[in-house]
Amino acid sequence: MSLSKIGNIELGDFPLLLAPMEDVSDPPFRALCKRYGADLMYTEFISSEGLIRDAVKSRQKLDIFEYERPIGIQIFGNEIESMKKATELTEAAKPDIIDINYGCPVKKVACKGAGAGILQDIPKMVEMTAEIVKSTHLPVTVKTRLGWDDNTKYIVEVAERLQDVGIKAISIHGRTRKQMYKGEADWSLIAEVKNNPRMQIPIFGNGDVFSPEIAVEKKRKYGVDGVMIGRASIGYPWIFREIKHYIKTGEKLAPPTFEERIAAAEEHLDMSIRWKGEKLGILEMRRHYTNYFKGIPHFKPFRMELVTLDTHVALKETFEKIRSFKAHQVA
């Protein structure tokens, strides 16, 4: 099997994956990441219980679009039967892949035995995965961490067992649940999984890929089949384009111009409001602005407006002010 394939889905050489991030990896953001070169994207994670209850927020996260393909929908939960039912509901939305979240470290998920919480019960993790694989004709992938804590880094054995029950790819974040997002991601164990002669499926590495140079270093040093990018893409969808250019040419692409940044941020805001309504669309955009306008001198007053104003009209005015500020900078 070519290692750039998940089931029958061709992903090319060294694919770049957009990580599933709560309140970030929504359709507006995915549209931009796809435009700038993401090869495979995942939705925000969806609660199996929420799907079964028909919760509006969970159902809305199932919405995917043709231009996004290939796309995976990610589900999480701690009950095997619920996860099987959620798999059937997810399959009806016609994604290309179903992904299981065994990596989310946040308390409200992990402490209920879902997400990274299942790393405390490997037999259940394997059984749940087997049942999900059996209940869908779509390829199933897994996103997980090295282990629950420093004493339980069983990822080499876990990856093997998950492959044995039928998953088609695994993405591994190089931290334990206990670490959350602190410290440095340890890719040496991801490399051990990749170098295990029994492994036949693609192994994607995740954690601290913040630049094209780091992506290439991970590729060379650890031999992973691709990288999954999370935090580095927030407010900076160009990261995918930059990594691809660097891999191809060995040269760094010029960063987006100020005009490109303004246009992308404004388009993102407009799509976000169309998608979620004004209040939520404005609120959930706020985390993106810092990166959209990182490193631009004298920008702080505009950033303050972007993260405090709460109407579309007022924000549009701020974008106009930013444009005239840019014209003065150039003049």
Protein backbone atom coordinates (compact mmCIF):
# COMPACT_ATOMS: atom_id res chain seq x y z
CA MET A 1 0.00 0.00 0.00
CA SER A 2 1.23 3.46 -0.89
CA LEU A 3 1.70 5.38 2.32
CA SER A 4 0.07 8.47 0.87
CA LYS A 5 -3.29 6.70 0.73
CA ILE A 6 -6.08 6.30 3.28
CA GLY A 7 -8.15 3.43 1.96
CA ASN A 8 -8.59 4.42 -1.69
CA ILE A 9 -8.07 8.13 -1.06
CA GLU A 10 -4.92 9.43 -2.71
CA LEU A 11 -3.26 12.19 -0.70
CA GLY A 12 -0.09 12.73 -2.70
CA ASP A 13 3.43 12.83 -1.34
CA PHE A 14 3.78 14.07 2.27
CA PRO A 15 0.23 15.40 2.77
CA LEU A 16 -0.54 18.31 5.07
CA LEU A 17 -3.56 17.76 7.31
CA LEU A 18 -5.66 20.37 9.07
CA ALA A 19 -6.22 19.28 12.67
CA PRO A 20 -9.74 19.11 14.06
CA MET A 21 -9.97 22.08 16.47
CA GLU A 22 -13.03 22.96 18.52
CA ASP A 23 -14.59 26.28 17.41
CA VAL A 24 -11.79 26.70 14.84
CA SER A 25 -12.00 24.00 12.11
CA ASP A 26 -15.41 25.13 10.91
CA PRO A 27 -16.44 25.49 7.22
CA PRO A 28 -15.33 29.16 6.85
CA PHE A 29 -11.84 28.40 8.17
CA ARG A 30 -11.61 25.14 6.22
CA ALA A 31 -12.46 27.00 3.00
CA LEU A 32 -9.38 29.18 3.47
CA CYS A 33 -7.10 26.29 4.48
CA LYS A 34 -8.19 24.33 1.42
CA ARG A 35 -7.50 27.32 -0.83
CA TYR A 36 -3.96 27.59 0.54
CA GLY A 37 -3.05 23.93 0.22
CA ALA A 38 -4.42 21.66 2.98
CA ASP A 39 -4.56 18.12 1.54
CA LEU A 40 -6.92 16.58 4.08
CA MET A 41 -9.10 18.40 6.59
CA TYR A 42 -11.08 17.27 9.58
CA THR A 43 -14.18 18.87 11.09
CA GLU A 44 -14.35 20.07 14.66
CA PHE A 45 -14.92 17.10 16.93
CA ILE A 46 -18.55 16.08 17.33
CA SER A 47 -20.06 14.55 20.45
CA SER A 48 -21.62 11.13 19.81
CA GLU A 49 -24.24 11.83 22.50
CA GLY A 50 -24.99 15.23 20.93
CA LEU A 51 -25.53 13.61 17.53
CA ILE A 52 -27.87 10.98 18.94
CA ARG A 53 -29.85 13.62 20.86
CA ASP A 54 -30.04 15.62 17.62
CA ALA A 55 -28.40 18.64 19.29
CA VAL A 56 -28.31 21.56 16.84
CA LYS A 57 -24.62 22.36 17.38
CA SER A 58 -23.59 18.74 16.80
CA ARG A 59 -25.75 18.36 13.68
CA GLN A 60 -24.43 21.59 12.20
CA LYS A 61 -20.86 20.31 12.49
CA LEU A 62 -21.78 17.49 10.07
CA ASP A 63 -22.13 20.00 7.22
CA ILE A 64 -19.43 19.46 4.64
CA PHE A 65 -19.04 20.72 1.07
CA GLU A 66 -17.85 19.17 -2.18
CA TYR A 67 -14.89 21.55 -2.57
CA GLU A 68 -13.52 20.37 0.80
CA ARG A 69 -12.92 16.80 -0.28
CA PRO A 70 -11.27 14.70 0.88
CA ILE A 71 -12.66 15.50 4.32
CA GLY A 72 -13.01 13.55 7.53
CA ILE A 73 -15.66 14.01 10.21
CA GLN A 74 -14.33 13.48 13.73
CA ILE A 75 -16.44 12.01 16.53
CA PHE A 76 -15.81 11.44 20.24
CA GLY A 77 -17.54 9.70 23.10
CA ASN A 78 -17.03 7.13 25.85
CA GLU A 79 -19.87 4.66 25.15
CA ILE A 80 -19.30 2.04 22.46
CA GLU A 81 -22.98 1.75 21.47
CA SER A 82 -23.34 5.54 21.21
CA MET A 83 -20.21 5.75 19.10
CA LYS A 84 -21.57 3.07 16.74
CA LYS A 85 -24.84 4.99 16.35
CA ALA A 86 -22.94 8.25 15.85
CA THR A 87 -20.87 6.52 13.16
CA GLU A 88 -24.04 5.65 11.23
CA LEU A 89 -25.35 9.23 11.53
CA THR A 90 -21.96 10.56 10.45
CA GLU A 91 -21.78 8.22 7.47
CA ALA A 92 -25.10 9.64 6.25
CA ALA A 93 -23.41 13.06 5.91
CA LYS A 94 -21.16 11.44 3.26
CA PRO A 95 -17.66 12.33 4.46
CA ASP A 96 -14.66 10.57 2.91
CA ILE A 97 -13.32 9.44 6.29
CA ILE A 98 -14.56 8.93 9.83
CA ASP A 99 -12.01 9.90 12.46
CA ILE A 100 -12.11 8.95 16.13
CA ASN A 101 -10.89 11.47 18.68
CA TYR A 102 -8.73 9.71 21.27
CA GLY A 103 -6.60 12.79 21.86
CA CYS A 104 -8.63 15.70 23.24
CA PRO A 105 -7.08 16.56 26.63
CA VAL A 106 -9.69 19.02 27.95
CA LYS A 107 -11.17 18.13 31.30
CA LYS A 108 -14.86 18.01 30.33
CA VAL A 109 -14.03 15.41 27.65
CA ALA A 110 -11.06 13.43 29.00
CA CYS A 111 -12.32 13.10 32.56
CA LYS A 112 -15.48 11.43 31.27
CA GLY A 113 -13.39 8.76 29.56
CA ALA A 114 -13.71 10.22 26.04
CA GLY A 115 -10.98 11.84 23.93
CA ALA A 116 -7.61 11.27 25.59
CA GLY A 117 -9.46 9.84 28.60
CA ILE A 118 -9.71 6.47 26.87
CA LEU A 119 -5.90 6.21 27.01
CA GLN A 120 -6.47 4.95 30.56
CA ASP A 121 -8.39 1.97 29.18
CA ILE A 122 -6.57 0.59 26.14
CA PRO A 123 -8.70 -2.60 25.82
CA LYS A 124 -11.83 -0.43 25.61
CA MET A 125 -10.10 1.84 23.08
CA VAL A 126 -9.32 -1.17 20.88
CA GLU A 127 -12.82 -2.65 21.27
CA MET A 128 -14.51 0.67 20.48
CA THR A 129 -12.35 1.13 17.40
CA ALA A 130 -13.11 -2.39 16.16
CA GLU A 131 -16.86 -1.80 16.55
CA ILE A 132 -16.71 1.52 14.70
CA VAL A 133 -14.71 -0.02 11.84
CA LYS A 134 -17.30 -2.81 11.56
CA SER A 135 -20.22 -0.38 11.50
CA THR A 136 -19.13 1.67 8.45
CA HIS A 137 -17.89 1.09 4.92
CA LEU A 138 -15.83 4.32 5.12
CA PRO A 139 -12.14 4.30 6.08
CA VAL A 140 -11.68 4.96 9.81
CA THR A 141 -8.72 6.96 11.13
CA VAL A 142 -7.64 7.81 14.67
CA LYS A 143 -6.16 10.90 16.31
CA THR A 144 -4.47 10.25 19.64
CA ARG A 145 -1.60 11.11 21.99
CA LEU A 146 1.46 9.25 23.27
CA GLY A 147 -0.37 8.12 26.41
CA TRP A 148 -2.18 9.42 29.48
CA ASP A 149 1.02 10.41 31.32
CA ASP A 150 4.77 9.72 31.31
CA ASN A 151 4.23 6.24 32.76
CA THR A 152 1.72 5.12 30.12
CA LYS A 153 3.29 5.96 26.76
CA TYR A 154 2.05 2.79 25.06
CA ILE A 155 1.58 4.35 21.63
CA VAL A 156 3.78 1.86 19.73
CA GLU A 157 1.69 -1.10 20.91
CA VAL A 158 -1.58 0.87 20.73
CA ALA A 159 -1.00 1.88 17.09
CA GLU A 160 -0.33 -1.76 16.18
CA ARG A 161 -3.50 -2.95 17.89
CA LEU A 162 -5.61 -0.25 16.24
CA GLN A 163 -4.18 -1.17 12.85
CA ASP A 164 -5.03 -4.83 13.56
CA VAL A 165 -8.71 -3.95 14.07
CA GLY A 166 -8.85 -2.05 10.80
CA ILE A 167 -7.98 1.66 11.01
CA LYS A 168 -6.52 3.11 7.81
CA ALA A 169 -4.27 5.87 9.26
CA ILE A 170 -3.26 7.33 12.62
CA SER A 171 -2.32 10.88 13.60
CA ILE A 172 -0.25 11.13 16.76
CA HIS A 173 0.20 14.25 18.85
CA GLY A 174 3.63 14.07 20.49
CA ARG A 175 2.43 14.83 24.03
CA THR A 176 0.65 12.96 26.80
CA ARG A 177 -2.76 13.98 28.07
CA LYS A 178 -1.14 15.21 31.29
CA GLN A 179 1.06 17.61 29.33
CA MET A 180 -1.96 19.23 27.63
CA TYR A 181 -0.13 21.64 25.24
CA LYS A 182 2.81 22.40 27.55
CA GLY A 183 6.44 21.52 27.04
CA GLU A 184 7.79 20.27 23.76
CA ALA A 185 6.14 17.62 21.62
CA ASP A 186 8.20 14.40 21.62
CA TRP A 187 8.38 13.07 18.08
CA SER A 188 10.78 10.22 18.87
CA LEU A 189 7.89 7.92 19.84
CA ILE A 190 5.98 8.93 16.71
CA ALA A 191 9.07 7.83 14.77
CA GLU A 192 9.08 4.50 16.66
CA VAL A 193 5.53 3.88 15.49
CA LYS A 194 6.53 4.79 11.93
CA ASN A 195 9.62 2.57 12.02
CA ASN A 196 7.76 -0.42 13.46
CA PRO A 197 8.00 -2.98 10.61
CA ARG A 198 4.48 -4.21 11.39
CA MET A 199 2.90 -0.86 10.58
CA GLN A 200 1.46 -0.64 7.06
CA ILE A 201 -0.79 2.42 7.40
CA PRO A 202 0.16 6.11 7.13
CA ILE A 203 1.52 7.70 10.31
CA PHE A 204 0.97 11.44 10.61
CA GLY A 205 2.81 13.52 13.19
CA ASN A 206 1.26 16.40 15.10
CA GLY A 207 2.61 18.92 17.58
CA ASP A 208 4.67 22.12 17.29
CA VAL A 209 4.78 22.31 13.47
CA PHE A 210 4.93 26.11 13.35
CA SER A 211 6.99 26.75 10.20
CA PRO A 212 8.02 25.23 6.85
CA GLU A 213 11.50 24.51 8.23
CA ILE A 214 10.06 22.54 11.16
CA ALA A 215 7.77 20.55 8.83
CA VAL A 216 10.71 19.56 6.64
CA GLU A 217 12.83 18.72 9.68
CA LYS A 218 10.07 16.40 10.99
CA LYS A 219 9.84 14.75 7.58
CA ARG A 220 13.59 14.13 7.35
CA LYS A 221 14.31 13.29 10.96
CA TYR A 222 11.28 11.19 11.86
CA GLY A 223 10.15 9.77 8.51
CA VAL A 224 6.45 10.46 9.08
CA ASP A 225 4.11 10.18 6.10
CA GLY A 226 2.73 13.69 6.59
CA VAL A 227 2.10 16.30 9.26
CA MET A 228 -1.08 17.51 10.90
CA ILE A 229 -1.17 21.22 11.62
CA GLY A 230 -3.30 22.77 14.34
CA ARG A 231 -2.45 25.94 16.24
CA ALA A 232 -0.02 27.26 13.61
CA SER A 233 -2.87 27.55 11.11
CA ILE A 234 -5.15 29.67 13.34
CA GLY A 235 -5.37 33.05 11.62
CA TYR A 236 -2.66 31.88 9.22
CA PRO A 237 -4.05 29.52 6.54
CA TRP A 238 -1.01 30.34 4.38
CA ILE A 239 1.09 27.90 6.44
CA PHE A 240 0.06 25.07 4.07
CA ARG A 241 1.15 26.97 0.96
CA GLU A 242 4.44 27.95 2.60
CA ILE A 243 5.30 24.38 3.66
CA LYS A 244 4.54 23.00 0.19
CA HIS A 245 6.69 25.63 -1.49
CA TYR A 246 9.57 24.96 0.91
CA ILE A 247 9.40 21.19 0.39
CA LYS A 248 9.38 21.66 -3.38
CA THR A 249 12.05 24.33 -3.75
CA GLY A 250 13.98 24.55 -0.48
CA GLU A 251 13.17 28.26 -0.48
CA LYS A 252 10.96 30.26 1.84
CA LEU A 253 7.93 31.82 0.24
CA ALA A 254 7.37 35.50 0.96
CA PRO A 255 4.70 35.88 3.68
CA PRO A 256 1.27 37.15 2.67
CA THR A 257 1.12 40.87 1.97
CA PHE A 258 -0.73 43.21 4.30
CA GLU A 259 -3.50 43.44 1.68
CA GLU A 260 -3.77 39.63 1.52
CA ARG A 261 -4.03 39.47 5.30
CA ILE A 262 -6.78 42.11 5.40
CA ALA A 263 -8.72 40.43 2.58
CA ALA A 264 -8.50 36.96 4.15
CA ALA A 265 -9.45 38.16 7.64
CA GLU A 266 -12.43 40.10 6.31
CA GLU A 267 -13.60 37.23 4.11
CA HIS A 268 -13.22 34.86 7.06
CA LEU A 269 -15.34 37.17 9.22
CA ASP A 270 -18.04 37.47 6.55
CA MET A 271 -18.22 33.69 6.09
CA SER A 272 -18.21 33.15 9.84
CA ILE A 273 -21.21 35.46 10.30
CA ARG A 274 -23.07 33.83 7.41
CA TRP A 275 -22.37 30.43 8.91
CA LYS A 276 -23.06 31.04 12.61
CA GLY A 277 -25.03 34.26 12.80
CA GLU A 278 -23.65 37.64 13.84
CA LYS A 279 -23.09 37.13 17.55
CA LEU A 280 -21.29 33.77 17.47
CA GLY A 281 -19.59 34.46 14.14
CA ILE A 282 -17.96 37.60 15.57
CA LEU A 283 -17.06 35.96 18.87
CA GLU A 284 -15.37 32.90 17.38
CA MET A 285 -13.36 34.99 14.89
CA ARG A 286 -11.54 36.80 17.68
CA ARG A 287 -8.93 34.12 18.26
CA HIS A 288 -7.80 34.42 14.63
CA TYR A 289 -6.97 38.14 14.46
CA THR A 290 -3.70 38.04 16.41
CA ASN A 291 -2.14 35.75 13.80
CA TYR A 292 -3.74 37.42 10.80
CA PHE A 293 -1.95 40.65 11.73
CA LYS A 294 1.09 39.35 13.61
CA GLY A 295 4.23 41.45 13.41
CA ILE A 296 2.60 44.53 11.88
CA PRO A 297 3.91 47.64 13.67
CA HIS A 298 1.48 50.05 15.35
CA PHE A 299 -1.40 47.64 14.86
CA LYS A 300 -2.48 47.28 18.50
CA PRO A 301 -5.37 49.84 18.45
CA PHE A 302 -6.93 48.04 15.47
CA ARG A 303 -6.50 44.66 17.15
CA MET A 304 -8.30 45.99 20.23
CA GLU A 305 -11.22 47.04 18.04
CA LEU A 306 -11.32 43.69 16.23
CA VAL A 307 -11.55 41.75 19.50
CA THR A 308 -14.04 44.02 21.27
CA LEU A 309 -16.49 45.34 18.68
CA ASP A 310 -19.63 43.24 18.44
CA THR A 311 -21.45 44.22 15.25
CA HIS A 312 -20.65 43.39 11.65
CA VAL A 313 -21.12 47.05 10.61
CA ALA A 314 -18.61 48.31 13.20
CA LEU A 315 -16.08 45.64 12.22
CA LYS A 316 -16.45 46.53 8.54
CA GLU A 317 -15.58 50.12 9.48
CA THR A 318 -12.49 48.89 11.31
CA PHE A 319 -11.39 46.97 8.21
CA GLU A 320 -11.76 50.18 6.19
CA LYS A 321 -9.59 51.99 8.77
CA ILE A 322 -7.01 49.21 8.50
CA ARG A 323 -6.96 49.66 4.71
CA SER A 324 -6.35 53.39 4.96
CA PHE A 325 -3.70 52.75 7.64
CA LYS A 326 -2.01 50.41 5.16
CA ALA A 327 -2.21 53.08 2.41
CA HIS A 328 -0.44 55.54 4.76
CA GLN A 329 2.21 52.94 5.58
CA VAL A 330 2.95 52.50 1.89
CA ALA A 331 2.75 56.20 0.98
